[in-house]
Amino acid sequence: MTREEKAKIIAELSDKFKASGNFYFTSAAGMTVAQVNKLRRKCFESGIEYRVIKNTLIKKALETVDADFSSLNDEVLTGFSGVMFTGQDSANAPAKLIKKFVKEDKVDKLKLKGASIEYDLFIGEQHLNTLAELKSKNELIGEIVGLLQSPAKNVISSLQSGGQTLSGLLKTLSER
């Protein structure tokens, strides 16, 4: 690979890391070619970009980002590294895909090495369940709106039921 090709890859990676704070580092060492191709296919179907990139190129691209990724260098960026890029609205999609792929295809070689969710780092396989259960930004906004509407709905329903009770009581008294 020439210097120009490396520079082009670093610039492209740098743009992706800056554009999306959501990316996952995986290790697929020991997987067969068929298993890796199946993983790539599932990533494509889920709208996740999966690329295998040299660790040195990843490190150089991360240096251009305005976040602190120093803890990734020693713990995560060693050996076979695949990077999964996802959009802002589906930060948990790669974690769900990894869990599903390992469970359904019985591929225990696929490991989560680390992840960045809005530039917050999660390092290690133990965070996979946490990452898979994360809610999207739209889901969180929906929950907050629902929680804010709940007290108002309770007051309105209480007033409406109280009015019906009061009118029923008055009607009964007037009939007597």
C-alpha atoms as a PDB file:
ATOM      1  CA  MET A   1       0.000   0.000   0.000  1.00  0.00           C
ATOM      2  CA  THR A   2       1.460   3.360  -1.004  1.00  0.00           C
ATOM      3  CA  ARG A   3       1.597   6.449   1.179  1.00  0.00           C
ATOM      4  CA  GLU A   4      -1.075   8.123  -0.927  1.00  0.00           C
ATOM      5  CA  GLU A   5      -3.442   5.178  -0.447  1.00  0.00           C
ATOM      6  CA  LYS A   6      -2.787   5.184   3.301  1.00  0.00           C
ATOM      7  CA  ALA A   7      -3.376   8.945   3.479  1.00  0.00           C
ATOM      8  CA  LYS A   8      -6.631   8.550   1.570  1.00  0.00           C
ATOM      9  CA  ILE A   9      -7.831   5.798   3.946  1.00  0.00           C
ATOM     10  CA  ILE A  10      -6.831   7.852   7.005  1.00  0.00           C
ATOM     11  CA  ALA A  11      -8.685  10.910   5.673  1.00  0.00           C
ATOM     12  CA  GLU A  12     -11.780   8.833   4.911  1.00  0.00           C
ATOM     13  CA  LEU A  13     -11.722   7.181   8.345  1.00  0.00           C
ATOM     14  CA  SER A  14     -11.155  10.510  10.032  1.00  0.00           C
ATOM     15  CA  ASP A  15     -14.234  11.948   8.331  1.00  0.00           C
ATOM     16  CA  LYS A  16     -16.326   8.956   9.421  1.00  0.00           C
ATOM     17  CA  PHE A  17     -15.113   9.165  13.016  1.00  0.00           C
ATOM     18  CA  LYS A  18     -15.903  12.897  13.092  1.00  0.00           C
ATOM     19  CA  ALA A  19     -19.291  12.543  11.397  1.00  0.00           C
ATOM     20  CA  SER A  20     -20.523   9.746  13.643  1.00  0.00           C
ATOM     21  CA  GLY A  21     -19.648   9.324  17.290  1.00  0.00           C
ATOM     22  CA  ASN A  22     -21.107   5.812  17.115  1.00  0.00           C
ATOM     23  CA  PHE A  23     -18.711   3.077  16.075  1.00  0.00           C
ATOM     24  CA  TYR A  24     -17.724  -0.357  17.330  1.00  0.00           C
ATOM     25  CA  PHE A  25     -14.405  -2.217  17.256  1.00  0.00           C
ATOM     26  CA  THR A  26     -14.661  -5.970  16.891  1.00  0.00           C
ATOM     27  CA  SER A  27     -12.354  -8.933  16.612  1.00  0.00           C
ATOM     28  CA  ALA A  28     -13.258 -11.686  14.189  1.00  0.00           C
ATOM     29  CA  ALA A  29      -9.963 -13.537  14.535  1.00  0.00           C
ATOM     30  CA  GLY A  30     -10.440 -17.244  14.031  1.00  0.00           C
ATOM     31  CA  MET A  31     -13.644 -16.932  12.013  1.00  0.00           C
ATOM     32  CA  THR A  32     -13.859 -18.682   8.664  1.00  0.00           C
ATOM     33  CA  VAL A  33     -14.193 -16.736   5.425  1.00  0.00           C
ATOM     34  CA  ALA A  34     -17.807 -17.907   5.111  1.00  0.00           C
ATOM     35  CA  GLN A  35     -18.614 -16.636   8.614  1.00  0.00           C
ATOM     36  CA  VAL A  36     -17.005 -13.250   7.926  1.00  0.00           C
ATOM     37  CA  ASN A  37     -18.919 -12.946   4.645  1.00  0.00           C
ATOM     38  CA  LYS A  38     -22.160 -13.794   6.456  1.00  0.00           C
ATOM     39  CA  LEU A  39     -21.368 -11.115   9.055  1.00  0.00           C
ATOM     40  CA  ARG A  40     -20.713  -8.562   6.308  1.00  0.00           C
ATOM     41  CA  ARG A  41     -24.009  -9.476   4.633  1.00  0.00           C
ATOM     42  CA  LYS A  42     -25.949  -9.064   7.894  1.00  0.00           C
ATOM     43  CA  CYS A  43     -24.237  -5.722   8.523  1.00  0.00           C
ATOM     44  CA  PHE A  44     -25.175  -4.535   5.033  1.00  0.00           C
ATOM     45  CA  GLU A  45     -28.806  -5.622   5.530  1.00  0.00           C
ATOM     46  CA  SER A  46     -28.914  -3.718   8.848  1.00  0.00           C
ATOM     47  CA  GLY A  47     -27.440  -0.519   7.405  1.00  0.00           C
ATOM     48  CA  ILE A  48     -24.145  -0.946   9.264  1.00  0.00           C
ATOM     49  CA  GLU A  49     -20.852  -0.420   7.508  1.00  0.00           C
ATOM     50  CA  TYR A  50     -18.279  -3.052   8.465  1.00  0.00           C
ATOM     51  CA  ARG A  51     -14.641  -2.683   7.474  1.00  0.00           C
ATOM     52  CA  VAL A  52     -11.431  -4.412   8.460  1.00  0.00           C
ATOM     53  CA  ILE A  53      -8.685  -1.810   8.782  1.00  0.00           C
ATOM     54  CA  LYS A  54      -5.104  -1.831   9.993  1.00  0.00           C
ATOM     55  CA  ASN A  55      -4.753  -0.693  13.601  1.00  0.00           C
ATOM     56  CA  THR A  56      -2.090   1.899  12.741  1.00  0.00           C
ATOM     57  CA  LEU A  57      -4.426   3.566  10.231  1.00  0.00           C
ATOM     58  CA  ILE A  58      -7.248   3.582  12.795  1.00  0.00           C
ATOM     59  CA  LYS A  59      -4.950   5.161  15.405  1.00  0.00           C
ATOM     60  CA  LYS A  60      -3.848   7.896  12.998  1.00  0.00           C
ATOM     61  CA  ALA A  61      -7.443   8.641  12.014  1.00  0.00           C
ATOM     62  CA  LEU A  62      -8.544   8.813  15.672  1.00  0.00           C
ATOM     63  CA  GLU A  63      -5.793  11.352  16.401  1.00  0.00           C
ATOM     64  CA  THR A  64      -7.627  13.861  14.187  1.00  0.00           C
ATOM     65  CA  VAL A  65     -10.877  13.585  16.188  1.00  0.00           C
ATOM     66  CA  ASP A  66     -11.483  16.091  19.005  1.00  0.00           C
ATOM     67  CA  ALA A  67     -12.214  13.356  21.561  1.00  0.00           C
ATOM     68  CA  ASP A  68      -9.880  11.413  23.847  1.00  0.00           C
ATOM     69  CA  PHE A  69      -9.319   7.915  22.494  1.00  0.00           C
ATOM     70  CA  SER A  70      -6.026   7.254  24.279  1.00  0.00           C
ATOM     71  CA  SER A  71      -7.450   4.275  26.184  1.00  0.00           C
ATOM     72  CA  LEU A  72      -8.318   2.558  22.910  1.00  0.00           C
ATOM     73  CA  ASN A  73      -4.742   2.322  21.734  1.00  0.00           C
ATOM     74  CA  ASP A  74      -3.420  -0.271  24.170  1.00  0.00           C
ATOM     75  CA  GLU A  75      -6.515  -2.256  25.032  1.00  0.00           C
ATOM     76  CA  VAL A  76      -8.560  -2.309  21.848  1.00  0.00           C
ATOM     77  CA  LEU A  77      -6.419  -1.645  18.816  1.00  0.00           C
ATOM     78  CA  THR A  78      -4.372  -4.817  18.805  1.00  0.00           C
ATOM     79  CA  GLY A  79      -4.702  -7.858  16.589  1.00  0.00           C
ATOM     80  CA  PHE A  80      -7.501  -8.257  14.058  1.00  0.00           C
ATOM     81  CA  SER A  81      -9.735  -5.157  14.106  1.00  0.00           C
ATOM     82  CA  GLY A  82     -13.009  -4.632  12.340  1.00  0.00           C
ATOM     83  CA  VAL A  83     -14.881  -1.339  12.593  1.00  0.00           C
ATOM     84  CA  MET A  84     -18.669  -1.052  12.482  1.00  0.00           C
ATOM     85  CA  PHE A  85     -20.036   2.391  11.651  1.00  0.00           C
ATOM     86  CA  THR A  86     -23.651   3.218  12.358  1.00  0.00           C
ATOM     87  CA  GLY A  87     -25.875   6.279  12.135  1.00  0.00           C
ATOM     88  CA  GLN A  88     -26.847   8.622  14.943  1.00  0.00           C
ATOM     89  CA  ASP A  89     -30.320   7.143  15.388  1.00  0.00           C
ATOM     90  CA  SER A  90     -29.251   3.501  15.726  1.00  0.00           C
ATOM     91  CA  ALA A  91     -26.324   3.479  18.139  1.00  0.00           C
ATOM     92  CA  ASN A  92     -27.259   0.068  19.536  1.00  0.00           C
ATOM     93  CA  ALA A  93     -27.741  -1.704  16.181  1.00  0.00           C
ATOM     94  CA  PRO A  94     -24.195  -3.154  15.969  1.00  0.00           C
ATOM     95  CA  ALA A  95     -24.392  -4.513  19.529  1.00  0.00           C
ATOM     96  CA  LYS A  96     -27.722  -6.169  18.773  1.00  0.00           C
ATOM     97  CA  LEU A  97     -26.298  -7.580  15.542  1.00  0.00           C
ATOM     98  CA  ILE A  98     -23.240  -9.002  17.334  1.00  0.00           C
ATOM     99  CA  LYS A  99     -25.394 -10.649  20.022  1.00  0.00           C
ATOM    100  CA  LYS A 100     -27.786 -12.085  17.450  1.00  0.00           C
ATOM    101  CA  PHE A 101     -24.953 -13.284  15.192  1.00  0.00           C
ATOM    102  CA  VAL A 102     -23.135 -15.029  18.046  1.00  0.00           C
ATOM    103  CA  LYS A 103     -26.352 -16.629  19.324  1.00  0.00           C
ATOM    104  CA  GLU A 104     -27.964 -17.710  16.043  1.00  0.00           C
ATOM    105  CA  ASP A 105     -24.861 -18.701  14.107  1.00  0.00           C
ATOM    106  CA  LYS A 106     -23.033 -20.116  17.133  1.00  0.00           C
ATOM    107  CA  VAL A 107     -19.920 -18.087  16.297  1.00  0.00           C
ATOM    108  CA  ASP A 108     -18.127 -17.445  19.572  1.00  0.00           C
ATOM    109  CA  LYS A 109     -15.089 -15.987  17.783  1.00  0.00           C
ATOM    110  CA  LEU A 110     -16.760 -12.619  17.121  1.00  0.00           C
ATOM    111  CA  LYS A 111     -15.895 -10.365  20.066  1.00  0.00           C
ATOM    112  CA  LEU A 112     -16.632  -6.771  20.948  1.00  0.00           C
ATOM    113  CA  LYS A 113     -13.337  -5.033  21.672  1.00  0.00           C
ATOM    114  CA  GLY A 114     -14.725  -1.569  22.295  1.00  0.00           C
ATOM    115  CA  ALA A 115     -17.319   0.974  21.255  1.00  0.00           C
ATOM    116  CA  SER A 116     -17.837   4.705  21.093  1.00  0.00           C
ATOM    117  CA  ILE A 117     -21.365   5.986  21.634  1.00  0.00           C
ATOM    118  CA  GLU A 118     -21.407   9.756  21.172  1.00  0.00           C
ATOM    119  CA  TYR A 119     -17.658   9.631  21.956  1.00  0.00           C
ATOM    120  CA  ASP A 120     -18.218   7.853  25.306  1.00  0.00           C
ATOM    121  CA  LEU A 121     -16.044   4.761  25.390  1.00  0.00           C
ATOM    122  CA  PHE A 122     -17.112   1.254  26.345  1.00  0.00           C
ATOM    123  CA  ILE A 123     -14.141  -1.098  26.392  1.00  0.00           C
ATOM    124  CA  GLY A 124     -14.511  -4.845  26.608  1.00  0.00           C
ATOM    125  CA  GLU A 125     -16.919  -7.664  25.873  1.00  0.00           C
ATOM    126  CA  GLN A 126     -18.717  -7.164  29.209  1.00  0.00           C
ATOM    127  CA  HIS A 127     -20.439  -4.022  27.830  1.00  0.00           C
ATOM    128  CA  LEU A 128     -22.174  -5.840  24.971  1.00  0.00           C
ATOM    129  CA  ASN A 129     -25.472  -6.349  26.831  1.00  0.00           C
ATOM    130  CA  THR A 130     -25.489  -2.738  28.050  1.00  0.00           C
ATOM    131  CA  LEU A 131     -24.881  -1.434  24.542  1.00  0.00           C
ATOM    132  CA  ALA A 132     -27.576  -3.681  23.050  1.00  0.00           C
ATOM    133  CA  GLU A 133     -30.142  -2.349  25.541  1.00  0.00           C
ATOM    134  CA  LEU A 134     -29.400   1.324  24.868  1.00  0.00           C
ATOM    135  CA  LYS A 135     -32.352   3.268  23.602  1.00  0.00           C
ATOM    136  CA  SER A 136     -32.176   5.499  20.572  1.00  0.00           C
ATOM    137  CA  LYS A 137     -32.457   9.252  20.858  1.00  0.00           C
ATOM    138  CA  ASN A 138     -35.998   9.193  19.435  1.00  0.00           C
ATOM    139  CA  GLU A 139     -37.091   6.501  21.910  1.00  0.00           C
ATOM    140  CA  LEU A 140     -35.755   8.566  24.826  1.00  0.00           C
ATOM    141  CA  ILE A 141     -37.486  11.717  23.586  1.00  0.00           C
ATOM    142  CA  GLY A 142     -40.738   9.753  23.253  1.00  0.00           C
ATOM    143  CA  GLU A 143     -40.446   8.468  26.818  1.00  0.00           C
ATOM    144  CA  ILE A 144     -39.767  11.968  28.169  1.00  0.00           C
ATOM    145  CA  VAL A 145     -42.743  13.409  26.285  1.00  0.00           C
ATOM    146  CA  GLY A 146     -44.918  10.586  27.643  1.00  0.00           C
ATOM    147  CA  LEU A 147     -43.722  11.242  31.191  1.00  0.00           C
ATOM    148  CA  LEU A 148     -44.384  14.965  30.834  1.00  0.00           C
ATOM    149  CA  GLN A 149     -47.894  14.346  29.475  1.00  0.00           C
ATOM    150  CA  SER A 150     -48.823  11.816  32.145  1.00  0.00           C
ATOM    151  CA  PRO A 151     -49.550  14.265  35.018  1.00  0.00           C
ATOM    152  CA  ALA A 152     -51.657  16.491  32.763  1.00  0.00           C
ATOM    153  CA  LYS A 153     -53.655  13.492  31.526  1.00  0.00           C
ATOM    154  CA  ASN A 154     -54.237  12.352  35.112  1.00  0.00           C
ATOM    155  CA  VAL A 155     -55.536  15.796  36.130  1.00  0.00           C
ATOM    156  CA  ILE A 156     -57.822  16.013  33.105  1.00  0.00           C
ATOM    157  CA  SER A 157     -59.239  12.521  33.636  1.00  0.00           C
ATOM    158  CA  SER A 158     -59.799  13.266  37.342  1.00  0.00           C
ATOM    159  CA  LEU A 159     -61.628  16.476  36.509  1.00  0.00           C
ATOM    160  CA  GLN A 160     -63.756  14.747  33.890  1.00  0.00           C
ATOM    161  CA  SER A 161     -64.659  11.838  36.155  1.00  0.00           C
ATOM    162  CA  GLY A 162     -65.342  14.208  39.043  1.00  0.00           C
ATOM    163  CA  GLY A 163     -67.670  16.271  36.876  1.00  0.00           C
ATOM    164  CA  GLN A 164     -69.586  13.183  35.834  1.00  0.00           C
ATOM    165  CA  THR A 165     -69.831  12.036  39.446  1.00  0.00           C
ATOM    166  CA  LEU A 166     -71.031  15.462  40.560  1.00  0.00           C
ATOM    167  CA  SER A 167     -73.642  15.730  37.804  1.00  0.00           C
ATOM    168  CA  GLY A 168     -74.865  12.203  38.578  1.00  0.00           C
ATOM    169  CA  LEU A 169     -75.156  13.096  42.263  1.00  0.00           C
ATOM    170  CA  LEU A 170     -77.080  16.277  41.477  1.00  0.00           C
ATOM    171  CA  LYS A 171     -79.407  14.417  39.141  1.00  0.00           C
ATOM    172  CA  THR A 172     -80.107  11.773  41.780  1.00  0.00           C
ATOM    173  CA  LEU A 173     -80.794  14.444  44.419  1.00  0.00           C
ATOM    174  CA  SER A 174     -83.130  16.371  42.120  1.00  0.00           C
ATOM    175  CA  GLU A 175     -85.115  13.210  41.321  1.00  0.00           C
ATOM    176  CA  ARG A 176     -85.695  12.572  45.036  1.00  0.00           C
END
